[in-house]
Amino acid sequence: MSVKGMGVSLPPNDTMGNLDKLKGKLNKIQELGFEVVELSLHGMDVIRNGMIDYDRLEMYKYLLTSYSLCYTTHAPYSLNLFRKG
């Protein structure tokens, strides 16, 4: 089954911060025929103390590019327009 143009969103829980768990989720998402995944940047822990952790970012890049999925990101909640202030 292929769900053209459809995607899923992964929450910023322990799955996003754990590359093995993320790999399992991505396998299932691709297996189900989805094409797009929304990733929560604040769950990935690639920004620490205001600095980019390039080693960790490279691990995500390696994992994510091994799938034929497209990705979109969810900015930190503090930047969402639904917040009043």
N, C-alpha and C. Protein backbone atom coordinates (compact mmCIF):
# COMPACT_ATOMS: atom_id res chain seq x y z
N MET A 1 0.85 -1.18 0.00
CA MET A 1 0.00 0.00 0.00
C MET A 1 0.89 1.23 0.00
N SER A 2 0.56 2.20 -0.82
CA SER A 2 1.31 3.45 -0.85
C SER A 2 0.35 4.60 -0.60
N VAL A 3 0.71 5.47 0.32
CA VAL A 3 -0.12 6.61 0.66
C VAL A 3 0.57 7.85 0.10
N LYS A 4 0.31 8.18 -1.15
CA LYS A 4 1.02 9.25 -1.86
C LYS A 4 0.83 10.60 -1.20
N GLY A 5 1.95 11.24 -0.90
CA GLY A 5 1.93 12.59 -0.34
C GLY A 5 1.51 12.67 1.11
N MET A 6 1.24 11.55 1.74
CA MET A 6 0.80 11.55 3.13
C MET A 6 1.99 11.35 4.05
N GLY A 7 1.89 11.95 5.21
CA GLY A 7 2.97 11.83 6.17
C GLY A 7 2.46 11.65 7.58
N VAL A 8 3.39 11.46 8.48
CA VAL A 8 3.09 11.32 9.89
C VAL A 8 4.03 12.24 10.68
N SER A 9 3.62 12.53 11.88
CA SER A 9 4.41 13.37 12.77
C SER A 9 4.90 12.54 13.94
N LEU A 10 6.16 12.66 14.25
CA LEU A 10 6.71 11.96 15.42
C LEU A 10 6.83 12.96 16.58
N PRO A 11 6.32 12.60 17.74
CA PRO A 11 6.39 13.51 18.89
C PRO A 11 7.81 13.61 19.45
N PRO A 12 8.08 14.69 20.18
CA PRO A 12 9.43 14.90 20.73
C PRO A 12 9.67 14.10 22.01
N ASN A 13 9.32 12.82 21.99
CA ASN A 13 9.52 11.99 23.17
C ASN A 13 10.86 11.27 23.08
N ASP A 14 11.00 10.20 23.81
CA ASP A 14 12.28 9.49 23.83
C ASP A 14 12.62 8.85 22.49
N THR A 15 11.66 8.72 21.59
CA THR A 15 11.95 8.17 20.26
C THR A 15 12.86 9.09 19.48
N MET A 16 12.62 10.38 19.53
CA MET A 16 13.42 11.33 18.76
C MET A 16 14.85 11.40 19.27
N GLY A 17 15.05 11.24 20.55
CA GLY A 17 16.38 11.33 21.13
C GLY A 17 17.16 10.03 21.09
N ASN A 18 16.51 8.95 20.71
CA ASN A 18 17.14 7.64 20.69
C ASN A 18 17.18 7.15 19.25
N LEU A 19 18.36 7.12 18.65
CA LEU A 19 18.48 6.79 17.23
C LEU A 19 18.00 5.38 16.91
N ASP A 20 18.18 4.43 17.81
CA ASP A 20 17.69 3.07 17.55
C ASP A 20 16.16 3.03 17.51
N LYS A 21 15.51 3.72 18.45
CA LYS A 21 14.05 3.79 18.45
C LYS A 21 13.55 4.54 17.22
N LEU A 22 14.23 5.61 16.86
CA LEU A 22 13.84 6.38 15.68
C LEU A 22 13.95 5.51 14.42
N LYS A 23 15.00 4.73 14.33
CA LYS A 23 15.18 3.83 13.19
C LYS A 23 14.01 2.86 13.08
N GLY A 24 13.59 2.32 14.21
CA GLY A 24 12.45 1.40 14.23
C GLY A 24 11.18 2.08 13.74
N LYS A 25 10.96 3.31 14.19
CA LYS A 25 9.78 4.06 13.74
C LYS A 25 9.84 4.36 12.25
N LEU A 26 11.00 4.78 11.77
CA LEU A 26 11.15 5.10 10.35
C LEU A 26 10.95 3.85 9.49
N ASN A 27 11.44 2.71 9.95
CA ASN A 27 11.21 1.45 9.23
C ASN A 27 9.72 1.18 9.08
N LYS A 28 8.98 1.34 10.17
CA LYS A 28 7.54 1.09 10.15
C LYS A 28 6.82 2.09 9.27
N ILE A 29 7.20 3.36 9.36
CA ILE A 29 6.57 4.41 8.55
C ILE A 29 6.77 4.13 7.07
N GLN A 30 7.97 3.78 6.70
CA GLN A 30 8.26 3.48 5.29
C GLN A 30 7.53 2.21 4.85
N GLU A 31 7.51 1.22 5.72
CA GLU A 31 6.84 -0.05 5.42
C GLU A 31 5.34 0.17 5.17
N LEU A 32 4.74 1.10 5.89
CA LEU A 32 3.32 1.38 5.74
C LEU A 32 3.01 2.20 4.48
N GLY A 33 4.04 2.72 3.83
CA GLY A 33 3.84 3.43 2.58
C GLY A 33 3.76 4.94 2.69
N PHE A 34 4.04 5.48 3.85
CA PHE A 34 4.05 6.94 3.98
C PHE A 34 5.29 7.50 3.29
N GLU A 35 5.21 8.76 2.92
CA GLU A 35 6.30 9.40 2.19
C GLU A 35 6.98 10.52 2.96
N VAL A 36 6.31 11.08 3.95
CA VAL A 36 6.81 12.26 4.65
C VAL A 36 6.76 12.03 6.16
N VAL A 37 7.76 12.54 6.86
CA VAL A 37 7.80 12.46 8.32
C VAL A 37 8.12 13.83 8.87
N GLU A 38 7.33 14.26 9.86
CA GLU A 38 7.63 15.51 10.56
C GLU A 38 8.43 15.16 11.81
N LEU A 39 9.59 15.78 11.93
CA LEU A 39 10.48 15.53 13.06
C LEU A 39 10.48 16.74 13.99
N SER A 40 10.52 16.49 15.27
CA SER A 40 10.58 17.56 16.27
C SER A 40 12.03 17.84 16.63
N LEU A 41 12.51 18.98 16.19
CA LEU A 41 13.92 19.33 16.42
C LEU A 41 14.29 19.34 17.90
N HIS A 42 13.37 19.82 18.73
CA HIS A 42 13.71 19.92 20.16
C HIS A 42 13.79 18.55 20.84
N GLY A 43 13.36 17.49 20.18
CA GLY A 43 13.50 16.15 20.74
C GLY A 43 14.78 15.47 20.31
N MET A 44 15.52 16.08 19.38
CA MET A 44 16.70 15.45 18.82
C MET A 44 17.98 15.74 19.61
N ASP A 45 17.96 16.73 20.46
CA ASP A 45 19.13 17.10 21.26
C ASP A 45 20.35 17.43 20.41
N VAL A 46 20.15 18.10 19.29
CA VAL A 46 21.29 18.50 18.47
C VAL A 46 21.76 19.92 18.82
N ILE A 47 20.97 20.62 19.61
CA ILE A 47 21.40 21.94 20.12
C ILE A 47 21.53 21.82 21.63
N ARG A 48 22.76 22.01 22.09
CA ARG A 48 23.05 21.89 23.52
C ARG A 48 23.78 23.13 23.99
N ASN A 49 23.25 23.75 25.03
CA ASN A 49 23.83 24.99 25.57
C ASN A 49 23.99 26.05 24.48
N GLY A 50 23.01 26.10 23.57
CA GLY A 50 23.03 27.10 22.51
C GLY A 50 23.98 26.81 21.37
N MET A 51 24.59 25.64 21.36
CA MET A 51 25.55 25.27 20.31
C MET A 51 25.08 24.01 19.59
N ILE A 52 25.35 23.94 18.30
CA ILE A 52 24.99 22.75 17.53
C ILE A 52 25.99 21.64 17.82
N ASP A 53 25.47 20.48 18.15
CA ASP A 53 26.29 19.29 18.36
C ASP A 53 26.44 18.63 16.99
N TYR A 54 27.51 18.97 16.27
CA TYR A 54 27.70 18.51 14.90
C TYR A 54 27.87 17.01 14.80
N ASP A 55 28.45 16.38 15.79
CA ASP A 55 28.60 14.92 15.76
C ASP A 55 27.24 14.25 15.80
N ARG A 56 26.38 14.73 16.69
CA ARG A 56 25.03 14.16 16.80
C ARG A 56 24.22 14.47 15.54
N LEU A 57 24.35 15.67 15.03
CA LEU A 57 23.66 16.05 13.81
C LEU A 57 24.07 15.15 12.65
N GLU A 58 25.32 14.81 12.58
CA GLU A 58 25.83 13.92 11.52
C GLU A 58 25.22 12.52 11.65
N MET A 59 25.01 12.05 12.88
CA MET A 59 24.38 10.74 13.07
C MET A 59 22.95 10.75 12.55
N TYR A 60 22.22 11.85 12.83
CA TYR A 60 20.86 11.97 12.31
C TYR A 60 20.88 12.03 10.78
N LYS A 61 21.80 12.79 10.23
CA LYS A 61 21.89 12.90 8.77
C LYS A 61 22.12 11.53 8.14
N TYR A 62 23.02 10.76 8.70
CA TYR A 62 23.32 9.43 8.18
C TYR A 62 22.07 8.54 8.23
N LEU A 63 21.36 8.56 9.37
CA LEU A 63 20.16 7.73 9.52
C LEU A 63 19.06 8.18 8.57
N LEU A 64 18.76 9.46 8.55
CA LEU A 64 17.63 9.96 7.77
C LEU A 64 17.83 9.80 6.27
N THR A 65 19.05 9.94 5.80
CA THR A 65 19.29 9.81 4.36
C THR A 65 19.30 8.35 3.89
N SER A 66 19.23 7.41 4.82
CA SER A 66 19.19 6.00 4.43
C SER A 66 17.77 5.55 4.06
N TYR A 67 16.80 6.46 4.17
CA TYR A 67 15.41 6.16 3.81
C TYR A 67 15.00 6.99 2.61
N SER A 68 13.99 6.53 1.90
CA SER A 68 13.47 7.27 0.76
C SER A 68 12.34 8.20 1.19
N LEU A 69 12.36 8.63 2.42
CA LEU A 69 11.34 9.52 2.97
C LEU A 69 11.73 10.98 2.78
N CYS A 70 10.73 11.85 2.79
CA CYS A 70 10.96 13.29 2.84
C CYS A 70 10.70 13.73 4.27
N TYR A 71 11.35 14.79 4.67
CA TYR A 71 11.23 15.24 6.06
C TYR A 71 10.83 16.70 6.14
N THR A 72 10.10 16.99 7.18
CA THR A 72 9.77 18.35 7.55
C THR A 72 10.04 18.45 9.04
N THR A 73 10.20 19.64 9.53
CA THR A 73 10.53 19.78 10.95
C THR A 73 9.47 20.60 11.68
N HIS A 74 9.38 20.34 12.95
CA HIS A 74 8.51 21.09 13.83
C HIS A 74 9.42 21.94 14.71
N ALA A 75 9.25 23.24 14.61
CA ALA A 75 10.07 24.15 15.42
C ALA A 75 9.74 23.98 16.90
N PRO A 76 10.59 24.48 17.77
CA PRO A 76 10.29 24.41 19.21
C PRO A 76 8.93 25.05 19.51
N TYR A 77 8.24 24.49 20.49
CA TYR A 77 6.90 24.97 20.83
C TYR A 77 6.87 26.45 21.16
N SER A 78 7.93 26.97 21.71
CA SER A 78 7.96 28.39 22.08
C SER A 78 7.83 29.31 20.86
N LEU A 79 8.06 28.79 19.66
CA LEU A 79 7.95 29.57 18.44
C LEU A 79 6.61 29.41 17.75
N ASN A 80 5.74 28.52 18.26
CA ASN A 80 4.45 28.30 17.62
C ASN A 80 3.56 29.53 17.69
N LEU A 81 2.82 29.79 16.64
CA LEU A 81 1.94 30.94 16.59
C LEU A 81 0.70 30.80 17.46
N PHE A 82 0.39 29.59 17.92
CA PHE A 82 -0.78 29.41 18.76
C PHE A 82 -0.56 29.92 20.19
N ARG A 83 0.67 30.20 20.54
CA ARG A 83 0.97 30.70 21.89
C ARG A 83 0.60 32.16 21.99
N LYS A 84 0.05 32.56 23.12
CA LYS A 84 -0.38 33.95 23.32
C LYS A 84 0.72 34.86 23.79
N GLY A 85 1.81 34.34 24.27
CA GLY A 85 2.85 35.24 24.72
C GLY A 85 3.95 34.64 25.48
